[in-house]
């Protein structure tokens, strides 16, 4: 079924959901679809805040074609949890507040808000493992303060591929000089050690 979502500016978007999906899954589907939501917003249907993230869409009476509103929530409700430090490709660190039950896509949307890099262009890594949008931080063992690495599509990956192909891996003239100089240095070093 299709659920319409009206954001805080009155802009309408749509997200797919099943009647048996939890409110949490609806939230994740909205973020994957690119509907802007953040830690500071909550969902409402017919004036009722959808607080129970484990409740199903149908348990709130939401049906195909219904409209859910995104509303600002009180900041202290959102500011619980721990710090996730995200290291950007340029070395700068962004510190976000999160909880272990926060989906990766939510972190990406918050990073998009702060950095201007669209969520779909971000790749987050924890312990060398690519993080999937629909998984939660706890799925990667993140249950307290943590460091996550951010790569941006079209930047870090391209450099790595060039190195693999031999391009951009260093100055070729330097390699040639070292190829001839190293044996000479070793030769003279061995003569000196013999005497």
N, C-alpha and C. Protein backbone atom coordinates (compact mmCIF):
# COMPACT_ATOMS: atom_id res chain seq x y z
N UNK A 1 0.84 -1.18 0.00
CA UNK A 1 0.00 0.00 0.00
C UNK A 1 0.88 1.24 0.00
N UNK A 2 0.32 2.34 -0.44
CA UNK A 2 1.03 3.61 -0.51
C UNK A 2 0.54 4.51 0.62
N UNK A 3 1.50 5.07 1.35
CA UNK A 3 1.17 6.02 2.42
C UNK A 3 1.78 7.36 2.03
N UNK A 4 0.96 8.39 2.05
CA UNK A 4 1.43 9.74 1.73
C UNK A 4 2.01 10.35 2.99
N UNK A 5 3.09 11.10 2.81
CA UNK A 5 3.77 11.74 3.93
C UNK A 5 3.86 13.23 3.66
N UNK A 6 3.34 14.02 4.62
CA UNK A 6 3.40 15.48 4.50
C UNK A 6 4.46 15.97 5.47
N UNK A 7 5.53 16.62 4.93
CA UNK A 7 6.60 17.07 5.83
C UNK A 7 6.24 18.40 6.49
N UNK A 8 7.19 18.93 7.26
CA UNK A 8 6.92 20.15 8.03
C UNK A 8 6.69 21.37 7.16
N UNK A 9 7.11 21.32 5.89
CA UNK A 9 6.88 22.42 4.95
C UNK A 9 5.61 22.22 4.12
N UNK A 10 4.89 21.13 4.38
CA UNK A 10 3.67 20.84 3.64
C UNK A 10 3.90 20.11 2.33
N UNK A 11 5.14 19.71 2.06
CA UNK A 11 5.46 18.99 0.82
C UNK A 11 5.06 17.53 0.97
N UNK A 12 4.36 17.01 -0.03
CA UNK A 12 3.86 15.63 0.00
C UNK A 12 4.83 14.70 -0.71
N UNK A 13 5.03 13.52 -0.12
CA UNK A 13 5.81 12.44 -0.72
C UNK A 13 5.04 11.16 -0.47
N UNK A 14 5.49 10.07 -1.04
CA UNK A 14 4.83 8.79 -0.84
C UNK A 14 5.85 7.72 -0.47
N UNK A 15 5.40 6.77 0.36
CA UNK A 15 6.25 5.64 0.74
C UNK A 15 5.42 4.38 0.69
N UNK A 16 6.07 3.28 0.33
CA UNK A 16 5.38 1.99 0.30
C UNK A 16 5.47 1.34 1.66
N UNK A 17 4.40 0.64 2.03
CA UNK A 17 4.38 -0.10 3.29
C UNK A 17 3.35 -1.21 3.19
N UNK A 18 3.50 -2.17 4.06
CA UNK A 18 2.52 -3.24 4.20
C UNK A 18 1.77 -3.00 5.50
N UNK A 19 0.51 -3.43 5.61
CA UNK A 19 -0.24 -3.24 6.86
C UNK A 19 0.46 -3.87 8.06
N UNK A 20 1.27 -4.91 7.82
CA UNK A 20 1.95 -5.59 8.92
C UNK A 20 3.31 -4.99 9.24
N UNK A 21 3.76 -3.98 8.45
CA UNK A 21 5.03 -3.31 8.76
C UNK A 21 4.90 -2.55 10.07
N UNK A 22 6.00 -2.52 10.81
CA UNK A 22 6.01 -1.72 12.04
C UNK A 22 6.19 -0.25 11.69
N UNK A 23 5.91 0.62 12.64
CA UNK A 23 6.12 2.05 12.44
C UNK A 23 7.60 2.31 12.19
N UNK A 24 8.44 1.53 12.86
CA UNK A 24 9.88 1.64 12.64
C UNK A 24 10.22 1.37 11.18
N UNK A 25 9.67 0.30 10.60
CA UNK A 25 9.94 -0.03 9.19
C UNK A 25 9.39 1.05 8.26
N UNK A 26 8.24 1.63 8.59
CA UNK A 26 7.70 2.74 7.80
C UNK A 26 8.70 3.90 7.81
N UNK A 27 9.25 4.20 8.98
CA UNK A 27 10.24 5.27 9.14
C UNK A 27 11.47 4.98 8.27
N UNK A 28 11.96 3.74 8.33
CA UNK A 28 13.13 3.34 7.53
C UNK A 28 12.81 3.44 6.04
N UNK A 29 11.64 2.95 5.62
CA UNK A 29 11.25 3.03 4.20
C UNK A 29 11.19 4.48 3.73
N UNK A 30 10.72 5.37 4.60
CA UNK A 30 10.66 6.78 4.24
C UNK A 30 12.07 7.33 4.01
N UNK A 31 13.00 6.96 4.89
CA UNK A 31 14.37 7.47 4.75
C UNK A 31 15.04 6.89 3.51
N UNK A 32 14.83 5.60 3.24
CA UNK A 32 15.41 4.98 2.05
C UNK A 32 14.85 5.63 0.79
N UNK A 33 13.58 5.99 0.83
CA UNK A 33 12.91 6.64 -0.31
C UNK A 33 13.42 8.07 -0.51
N UNK A 34 14.12 8.61 0.51
CA UNK A 34 14.66 9.96 0.40
C UNK A 34 13.77 11.03 1.01
N UNK A 35 12.75 10.61 1.75
CA UNK A 35 11.89 11.57 2.43
C UNK A 35 12.66 12.09 3.64
N UNK A 36 12.86 13.41 3.72
CA UNK A 36 13.70 13.95 4.80
C UNK A 36 13.03 13.81 6.16
N UNK A 37 13.65 13.04 7.02
CA UNK A 37 13.24 12.90 8.42
C UNK A 37 14.51 12.92 9.25
N UNK A 38 14.39 13.30 10.50
CA UNK A 38 15.57 13.32 11.36
C UNK A 38 15.16 12.92 12.77
N UNK A 39 16.15 12.89 13.63
CA UNK A 39 15.96 12.52 15.04
C UNK A 39 15.00 13.48 15.74
N UNK A 40 14.84 14.68 15.19
CA UNK A 40 14.04 15.71 15.84
C UNK A 40 12.59 15.75 15.36
N UNK A 41 12.20 14.79 14.55
CA UNK A 41 10.85 14.76 14.01
C UNK A 41 10.14 13.49 14.43
N UNK A 42 8.82 13.57 14.46
CA UNK A 42 8.00 12.40 14.81
C UNK A 42 6.89 12.27 13.78
N UNK A 43 6.30 11.08 13.70
CA UNK A 43 5.18 10.84 12.78
C UNK A 43 3.87 10.97 13.53
N UNK A 44 2.87 11.54 12.85
CA UNK A 44 1.51 11.64 13.41
C UNK A 44 0.51 11.19 12.36
N UNK A 45 -0.57 10.56 12.85
CA UNK A 45 -1.68 10.18 11.99
C UNK A 45 -2.97 10.56 12.70
N UNK A 46 -3.79 11.38 12.04
CA UNK A 46 -5.03 11.89 12.62
C UNK A 46 -4.81 12.52 14.00
N UNK A 47 -3.71 13.27 14.13
CA UNK A 47 -3.42 13.97 15.38
C UNK A 47 -2.78 13.12 16.46
N UNK A 48 -2.59 11.83 16.22
CA UNK A 48 -2.00 10.94 17.22
C UNK A 48 -0.54 10.66 16.86
N UNK A 49 0.35 10.89 17.81
CA UNK A 49 1.77 10.62 17.58
C UNK A 49 2.00 9.12 17.54
N UNK A 50 2.72 8.66 16.53
CA UNK A 50 3.01 7.24 16.36
C UNK A 50 4.25 6.90 17.18
N UNK A 51 4.09 6.76 18.49
CA UNK A 51 5.21 6.59 19.42
C UNK A 51 5.73 5.16 19.47
N UNK A 52 4.83 4.19 19.36
CA UNK A 52 5.22 2.80 19.52
C UNK A 52 5.82 2.28 18.21
N UNK A 53 7.15 2.24 18.14
CA UNK A 53 7.82 1.85 16.89
C UNK A 53 7.62 0.38 16.57
N UNK A 54 7.18 -0.42 17.54
CA UNK A 54 6.95 -1.85 17.30
C UNK A 54 5.52 -2.14 16.86
N UNK A 55 4.63 -1.14 16.99
CA UNK A 55 3.24 -1.32 16.56
C UNK A 55 3.19 -1.35 15.03
N UNK A 56 2.18 -2.01 14.49
CA UNK A 56 2.06 -2.11 13.04
C UNK A 56 1.33 -0.89 12.48
N UNK A 57 1.51 -0.69 11.20
CA UNK A 57 0.84 0.41 10.51
C UNK A 57 -0.67 0.27 10.67
N UNK A 58 -1.17 -0.97 10.50
CA UNK A 58 -2.62 -1.19 10.59
C UNK A 58 -3.15 -0.99 12.02
N UNK A 59 -2.30 -1.21 13.04
CA UNK A 59 -2.78 -1.04 14.42
C UNK A 59 -3.10 0.42 14.74
N UNK A 60 -2.50 1.35 13.98
CA UNK A 60 -2.83 2.76 14.12
C UNK A 60 -3.98 3.16 13.19
N UNK A 61 -4.52 2.20 12.43
CA UNK A 61 -5.64 2.48 11.54
C UNK A 61 -5.22 3.10 10.21
N UNK A 62 -3.95 3.02 9.88
CA UNK A 62 -3.45 3.61 8.63
C UNK A 62 -3.75 2.64 7.49
N UNK A 63 -4.39 3.18 6.43
CA UNK A 63 -4.73 2.35 5.27
C UNK A 63 -4.14 2.94 4.00
N UNK A 64 -4.27 2.20 2.92
CA UNK A 64 -3.77 2.62 1.62
C UNK A 64 -4.30 4.01 1.28
N UNK A 65 -3.39 4.92 0.92
CA UNK A 65 -3.79 6.26 0.52
C UNK A 65 -3.87 7.26 1.65
N UNK A 66 -3.75 6.81 2.91
CA UNK A 66 -3.81 7.73 4.04
C UNK A 66 -2.56 8.61 4.09
N UNK A 67 -2.67 9.72 4.82
CA UNK A 67 -1.58 10.68 4.93
C UNK A 67 -1.06 10.71 6.36
N UNK A 68 0.26 10.61 6.50
CA UNK A 68 0.94 10.70 7.79
C UNK A 68 1.70 12.02 7.79
N UNK A 69 1.66 12.74 8.91
CA UNK A 69 2.36 14.02 9.02
C UNK A 69 3.67 13.87 9.78
N UNK A 70 4.67 14.63 9.34
CA UNK A 70 5.94 14.71 10.06
C UNK A 70 5.89 15.97 10.90
N UNK A 71 6.12 15.84 12.19
CA UNK A 71 6.07 16.97 13.13
C UNK A 71 7.36 17.07 13.91
N UNK A 72 7.71 18.30 14.29
CA UNK A 72 8.87 18.48 15.17
C UNK A 72 8.56 17.88 16.53
N UNK A 73 9.58 17.32 17.15
CA UNK A 73 9.42 16.78 18.49
C UNK A 73 10.31 17.55 19.44
N UNK A 74 10.08 17.43 20.72
CA UNK A 74 10.87 18.13 21.71
C UNK A 74 12.30 17.59 21.67
N UNK A 75 13.28 18.47 21.70
CA UNK A 75 14.67 18.07 21.54
C UNK A 75 15.12 17.09 22.61
N UNK A 76 14.71 17.26 23.87
CA UNK A 76 15.23 16.34 24.90
C UNK A 76 14.73 14.91 24.70
N UNK A 77 13.64 14.72 23.97
CA UNK A 77 13.19 13.36 23.67
C UNK A 77 14.15 12.69 22.70
N UNK A 78 14.76 13.48 21.84
CA UNK A 78 15.63 12.92 20.81
C UNK A 78 17.08 12.80 21.27
N UNK A 79 17.48 13.53 22.29
CA UNK A 79 18.87 13.61 22.68
C UNK A 79 19.25 12.57 23.75
N UNK A 80 18.92 11.33 23.53
CA UNK A 80 19.35 10.27 24.42
C UNK A 80 20.21 9.31 23.63
N UNK A 81 21.12 8.65 24.28
CA UNK A 81 21.94 7.68 23.57
C UNK A 81 23.41 7.91 23.78
N UNK A 82 24.20 7.74 22.74
CA UNK A 82 25.64 7.85 22.80
C UNK A 82 26.13 8.56 21.55
N UNK A 83 27.43 8.83 21.52
CA UNK A 83 28.00 9.53 20.37
C UNK A 83 28.49 8.56 19.31
N UNK A 84 28.18 8.89 18.06
CA UNK A 84 28.75 8.20 16.91
C UNK A 84 29.59 9.26 16.20
N UNK A 85 30.90 9.01 16.16
CA UNK A 85 31.82 9.93 15.50
C UNK A 85 32.06 9.44 14.08
N UNK A 86 31.67 10.25 13.11
CA UNK A 86 31.79 9.86 11.71
C UNK A 86 32.98 10.60 11.10
N UNK A 87 33.96 9.83 10.63
CA UNK A 87 35.16 10.40 10.01
C UNK A 87 34.91 10.52 8.52
N UNK A 88 34.96 11.75 8.02
CA UNK A 88 34.76 12.02 6.60
C UNK A 88 36.05 11.75 5.82
N UNK A 89 35.97 11.62 4.50
CA UNK A 89 37.17 11.38 3.70
C UNK A 89 38.25 12.45 3.88
N UNK A 90 37.85 13.69 4.19
CA UNK A 90 38.82 14.77 4.37
C UNK A 90 39.43 14.78 5.77
N UNK A 91 39.02 13.82 6.63
CA UNK A 91 39.59 13.71 7.97
C UNK A 91 38.78 14.42 9.05
N UNK A 92 37.85 15.25 8.66
CA UNK A 92 37.02 15.95 9.65
C UNK A 92 36.06 14.95 10.29
N UNK A 93 35.73 15.20 11.55
CA UNK A 93 34.86 14.30 12.31
C UNK A 93 33.55 15.01 12.63
N UNK A 94 32.45 14.30 12.39
CA UNK A 94 31.12 14.80 12.75
C UNK A 94 30.64 13.94 13.90
N UNK A 95 30.17 14.57 14.96
CA UNK A 95 29.69 13.84 16.14
C UNK A 95 28.17 13.90 16.17
N UNK A 96 27.55 12.72 16.15
CA UNK A 96 26.10 12.61 16.18
C UNK A 96 25.67 11.87 17.44
N UNK A 97 24.48 12.18 17.91
CA UNK A 97 23.90 11.43 19.02
C UNK A 97 22.99 10.37 18.42
N UNK A 98 23.15 9.12 18.89
CA UNK A 98 22.35 8.02 18.34
C UNK A 98 22.07 7.01 19.45
N UNK A 99 21.25 6.05 19.13
CA UNK A 99 20.95 4.93 20.02
C UNK A 99 21.22 3.66 19.23
N UNK A 100 21.39 2.55 19.94
CA UNK A 100 21.73 1.31 19.25
C UNK A 100 20.64 0.83 18.30
N UNK A 101 19.40 1.27 18.50
CA UNK A 101 18.28 0.85 17.64
C UNK A 101 18.06 1.80 16.47
N UNK A 102 18.99 2.70 16.21
CA UNK A 102 18.87 3.65 15.11
C UNK A 102 19.32 2.97 13.81
N UNK A 103 18.53 3.07 12.74
CA UNK A 103 18.96 2.48 11.47
C UNK A 103 20.07 3.32 10.82
N UNK A 104 20.89 2.67 10.06
CA UNK A 104 22.01 3.32 9.37
C UNK A 104 21.50 4.45 8.48
N UNK A 105 20.38 4.24 7.80
CA UNK A 105 19.85 5.26 6.90
C UNK A 105 19.54 6.55 7.66
N UNK A 106 19.16 6.45 8.91
CA UNK A 106 18.87 7.64 9.72
C UNK A 106 20.16 8.43 9.98
N UNK A 107 21.24 7.71 10.23
CA UNK A 107 22.54 8.36 10.41
C UNK A 107 22.93 9.06 9.11
N UNK A 108 22.71 8.39 7.98
CA UNK A 108 23.06 8.97 6.68
C UNK A 108 22.27 10.26 6.41
N UNK A 109 20.99 10.26 6.76
CA UNK A 109 20.18 11.46 6.53
C UNK A 109 20.65 12.61 7.42
N UNK A 110 21.04 12.30 8.63
CA UNK A 110 21.54 13.35 9.51
C UNK A 110 22.87 13.87 8.97
N UNK A 111 23.74 12.98 8.47
CA UNK A 111 24.99 13.41 7.85
C UNK A 111 24.73 14.26 6.61
N UNK A 112 23.71 13.90 5.84
CA UNK A 112 23.35 14.68 4.64
C UNK A 112 22.95 16.09 5.04
N UNK A 113 22.22 16.19 6.14
CA UNK A 113 21.79 17.50 6.62
C UNK A 113 23.00 18.35 7.02
N UNK A 114 23.98 17.73 7.65
CA UNK A 114 25.14 18.45 8.15
C UNK A 114 26.16 18.74 7.05
N UNK A 115 26.43 17.75 6.19
CA UNK A 115 27.51 17.87 5.20
C UNK A 115 27.06 18.31 3.82
N UNK A 116 25.79 18.08 3.50
CA UNK A 116 25.30 18.39 2.16
C UNK A 116 25.52 17.25 1.18
N UNK A 117 26.11 16.13 1.63
CA UNK A 117 26.32 14.96 0.78
C UNK A 117 25.08 14.08 0.87
N UNK A 118 24.43 13.83 -0.25
CA UNK A 118 23.19 13.04 -0.25
C UNK A 118 23.41 11.66 0.36
N UNK A 119 22.40 11.17 1.07
CA UNK A 119 22.48 9.88 1.76
C UNK A 119 22.83 8.75 0.80
N UNK A 120 22.30 8.77 -0.41
CA UNK A 120 22.55 7.67 -1.34
C UNK A 120 23.98 7.65 -1.86
N UNK A 121 24.72 8.76 -1.70
CA UNK A 121 26.12 8.81 -2.15
C UNK A 121 27.09 8.43 -1.02
N UNK A 122 26.55 8.23 0.19
CA UNK A 122 27.40 7.91 1.32
C UNK A 122 27.53 6.40 1.49
N UNK A 123 28.70 5.95 1.89
CA UNK A 123 28.90 4.57 2.31
C UNK A 123 29.57 4.63 3.67
N UNK A 124 28.89 4.09 4.68
CA UNK A 124 29.45 4.08 6.03
C UNK A 124 30.07 2.72 6.30
N UNK A 125 31.16 2.73 7.07
CA UNK A 125 31.86 1.49 7.41
C UNK A 125 32.11 1.45 8.90
N UNK A 126 31.89 0.27 9.47
CA UNK A 126 32.18 0.02 10.88
C UNK A 126 33.03 -1.23 10.94
N UNK A 127 34.21 -1.12 11.51
CA UNK A 127 35.10 -2.28 11.60
C UNK A 127 35.45 -2.85 10.24
N UNK A 128 35.54 -2.01 9.21
CA UNK A 128 35.88 -2.46 7.88
C UNK A 128 34.71 -3.05 7.10
N UNK A 129 33.54 -3.12 7.71
CA UNK A 129 32.36 -3.71 7.06
C UNK A 129 31.44 -2.62 6.55
N UNK A 130 30.98 -2.76 5.30
CA UNK A 130 30.01 -1.82 4.74
C UNK A 130 28.71 -1.94 5.50
N UNK A 131 28.16 -0.80 5.92
CA UNK A 131 26.91 -0.79 6.68
C UNK A 131 25.73 -0.65 5.72
N UNK A 132 24.72 -1.48 5.89
CA UNK A 132 23.53 -1.48 5.04
C UNK A 132 22.48 -0.55 5.64
N UNK A 133 21.77 0.17 4.77
CA UNK A 133 20.80 1.19 5.20
C UNK A 133 19.75 0.67 6.17
N UNK A 134 19.21 -0.51 5.90
CA UNK A 134 18.08 -1.01 6.69
C UNK A 134 18.48 -1.63 8.02
N UNK A 135 19.77 -1.83 8.24
CA UNK A 135 20.23 -2.42 9.51
C UNK A 135 20.39 -1.35 10.57
N UNK A 136 20.38 -1.79 11.82
CA UNK A 136 20.54 -0.87 12.94
C UNK A 136 21.99 -0.86 13.40
N UNK A 137 22.35 0.17 14.16
CA UNK A 137 23.72 0.28 14.66
C UNK A 137 24.11 -0.95 15.47
N UNK A 138 23.20 -1.47 16.29
CA UNK A 138 23.54 -2.64 17.11
C UNK A 138 23.87 -3.87 16.27
N UNK A 139 23.37 -3.93 15.02
CA UNK A 139 23.71 -5.04 14.14
C UNK A 139 25.19 -5.06 13.79
N UNK A 140 25.86 -3.93 14.00
CA UNK A 140 27.29 -3.83 13.74
C UNK A 140 28.09 -3.74 15.04
N UNK A 141 27.43 -4.10 16.15
CA UNK A 141 28.11 -4.09 17.44
C UNK A 141 28.25 -2.70 18.04
N UNK A 142 27.54 -1.72 17.49
CA UNK A 142 27.63 -0.35 17.99
C UNK A 142 26.54 -0.15 19.04
N UNK A 143 26.95 -0.18 20.30
CA UNK A 143 26.00 -0.01 21.40
C UNK A 143 26.46 1.07 22.36
N UNK A 144 27.51 1.76 22.00
CA UNK A 144 28.05 2.86 22.80
C UNK A 144 28.86 3.75 21.89
N UNK A 145 29.59 4.70 22.48
CA UNK A 145 30.40 5.62 21.68
C UNK A 145 31.22 4.84 20.66
N UNK A 146 31.21 5.31 19.41
CA UNK A 146 31.87 4.57 18.34
C UNK A 146 32.39 5.51 17.26
N UNK A 147 33.28 4.94 16.43
CA UNK A 147 33.80 5.66 15.27
C UNK A 147 33.35 4.90 14.03
N UNK A 148 32.77 5.65 13.08
CA UNK A 148 32.31 5.10 11.81
C UNK A 148 33.01 5.89 10.71
N UNK A 149 33.39 5.21 9.64
CA UNK A 149 34.09 5.86 8.53
C UNK A 149 33.12 6.11 7.38
N UNK A 150 33.23 7.27 6.78
CA UNK A 150 32.35 7.64 5.67
C UNK A 150 33.15 7.72 4.38
N UNK A 151 32.65 7.05 3.36
CA UNK A 151 33.21 7.20 2.01
C UNK A 151 32.11 7.81 1.16
N UNK A 152 32.52 8.57 0.17
CA UNK A 152 31.56 9.23 -0.71
C UNK A 152 31.70 8.66 -2.11
N UNK A 153 30.58 8.22 -2.65
CA UNK A 153 30.57 7.63 -4.00
C UNK A 153 31.21 8.60 -4.98
N UNK A 154 32.14 8.10 -5.76
CA UNK A 154 32.79 8.93 -6.76
C UNK A 154 34.05 9.60 -6.26
N UNK A 155 34.40 9.42 -4.97
CA UNK A 155 35.62 10.03 -4.45
C UNK A 155 36.62 8.97 -4.03
N UNK A 156 36.48 8.43 -2.84
CA UNK A 156 37.46 7.47 -2.31
C UNK A 156 37.56 6.23 -3.18
N UNK A 157 36.43 5.73 -3.65
CA UNK A 157 36.43 4.51 -4.45
C UNK A 157 37.19 4.67 -5.75
N UNK A 158 37.05 5.82 -6.39
CA UNK A 158 37.75 6.04 -7.65
C UNK A 158 39.25 6.06 -7.45
N UNK A 159 39.72 6.67 -6.35
CA UNK A 159 41.14 6.71 -6.08
C UNK A 159 41.68 5.31 -5.85
N UNK A 160 40.93 4.51 -5.10
CA UNK A 160 41.36 3.14 -4.82
C UNK A 160 41.44 2.33 -6.11
N UNK A 161 40.46 2.49 -7.00
CA UNK A 161 40.47 1.75 -8.26
C UNK A 161 41.66 2.15 -9.12
N UNK A 162 41.99 3.45 -9.13
CA UNK A 162 43.14 3.90 -9.92
C UNK A 162 44.42 3.27 -9.40
N UNK A 163 44.55 3.17 -8.07
CA UNK A 163 45.75 2.55 -7.51
C UNK A 163 45.83 1.09 -7.90
N UNK A 164 44.71 0.41 -7.91
CA UNK A 164 44.69 -1.00 -8.28
C UNK A 164 45.14 -1.17 -9.74
N UNK A 165 44.72 -0.22 -10.57
CA UNK A 165 45.05 -0.30 -12.00
C UNK A 165 46.45 0.21 -12.29
N UNK A 166 47.13 0.77 -11.28
CA UNK A 166 48.48 1.27 -11.48
C UNK A 166 48.54 2.75 -11.77
N UNK A 167 47.39 3.39 -11.98
CA UNK A 167 47.37 4.83 -12.22
C UNK A 167 47.38 5.54 -10.88
N UNK A 168 48.04 6.66 -10.81
CA UNK A 168 48.01 7.46 -9.60
C UNK A 168 48.68 6.77 -8.42
N UNK A 169 49.40 5.69 -8.64
CA UNK A 169 50.02 4.96 -7.54
C UNK A 169 51.37 5.56 -7.17
N UNK A 170 51.82 6.57 -7.87
CA UNK A 170 53.09 7.21 -7.56
C UNK A 170 53.74 7.73 -8.83
N UNK A 171 54.86 8.40 -8.65
CA UNK A 171 55.58 8.99 -9.75
C UNK A 171 56.45 7.92 -10.41
N UNK A 172 56.25 7.65 -11.71
CA UNK A 172 57.00 6.60 -12.42
C UNK A 172 58.49 6.93 -12.52
N UNK A 173 58.85 8.20 -12.68
CA UNK A 173 60.27 8.55 -12.79
C UNK A 173 60.99 8.27 -11.48
N UNK A 174 60.34 8.45 -10.37
CA UNK A 174 60.92 8.13 -9.07
C UNK A 174 61.16 6.63 -8.95
N UNK A 175 60.25 5.84 -9.44
CA UNK A 175 60.41 4.38 -9.41
C UNK A 175 61.63 3.95 -10.23
N UNK A 176 61.82 4.56 -11.37
CA UNK A 176 62.95 4.21 -12.24
C UNK A 176 64.27 4.58 -11.56
N UNK A 177 64.34 5.77 -10.97
CA UNK A 177 65.55 6.20 -10.28
C UNK A 177 65.88 5.24 -9.14
N UNK A 178 64.86 4.90 -8.34
CA UNK A 178 65.08 3.98 -7.23
C UNK A 178 65.51 2.60 -7.72
N UNK A 179 65.00 2.18 -8.85
CA UNK A 179 65.36 0.87 -9.40
C UNK A 179 66.86 0.79 -9.71
N UNK A 180 67.44 1.90 -10.20
CA UNK A 180 68.87 1.91 -10.53
C UNK A 180 69.75 2.31 -9.35
N UNK A 181 69.27 3.18 -8.48
CA UNK A 181 70.09 3.67 -7.38
C UNK A 181 70.24 2.62 -6.28
N UNK A 182 69.20 1.90 -5.95
CA UNK A 182 69.25 0.92 -4.85
C UNK A 182 70.35 -0.12 -5.06
N UNK A 183 70.49 -0.74 -6.23
CA UNK A 183 71.59 -1.71 -6.40
C UNK A 183 72.97 -1.07 -6.25
N UNK A 184 73.13 0.19 -6.72
CA UNK A 184 74.41 0.87 -6.56
C UNK A 184 74.74 1.10 -5.09
N UNK A 185 73.76 1.54 -4.34
CA UNK A 185 73.96 1.77 -2.91
C UNK A 185 74.31 0.47 -2.22
N UNK A 186 73.62 -0.60 -2.54
CA UNK A 186 73.92 -1.90 -1.94
C UNK A 186 75.32 -2.38 -2.32
N UNK A 187 75.74 -2.14 -3.55
CA UNK A 187 77.09 -2.53 -4.00
C UNK A 187 78.16 -1.82 -3.18
N UNK A 188 78.03 -0.49 -3.05
CA UNK A 188 79.04 0.28 -2.31
C UNK A 188 78.99 -0.03 -0.82
N UNK A 189 77.81 -0.32 -0.31
CA UNK A 189 77.68 -0.69 1.10
C UNK A 189 78.39 -2.02 1.37
N UNK A 190 78.24 -2.98 0.45
CA UNK A 190 78.89 -4.29 0.62
C UNK A 190 80.41 -4.14 0.52
N UNK A 191 80.93 -3.26 -0.39
CA UNK A 191 82.37 -3.03 -0.47
C UNK A 191 82.90 -2.44 0.81
N UNK A 192 82.19 -1.52 1.39
CA UNK A 192 82.61 -0.88 2.63
C UNK A 192 82.64 -1.87 3.78
N UNK A 193 81.63 -2.76 3.84
CA UNK A 193 81.58 -3.77 4.90
C UNK A 193 82.70 -4.81 4.78
N UNK A 194 83.12 -5.12 3.57
CA UNK A 194 84.18 -6.10 3.33
C UNK A 194 85.53 -5.54 3.83
N UNK A 195 85.75 -4.25 3.65
CA UNK A 195 87.04 -3.65 4.04
C UNK A 195 87.09 -3.36 5.48
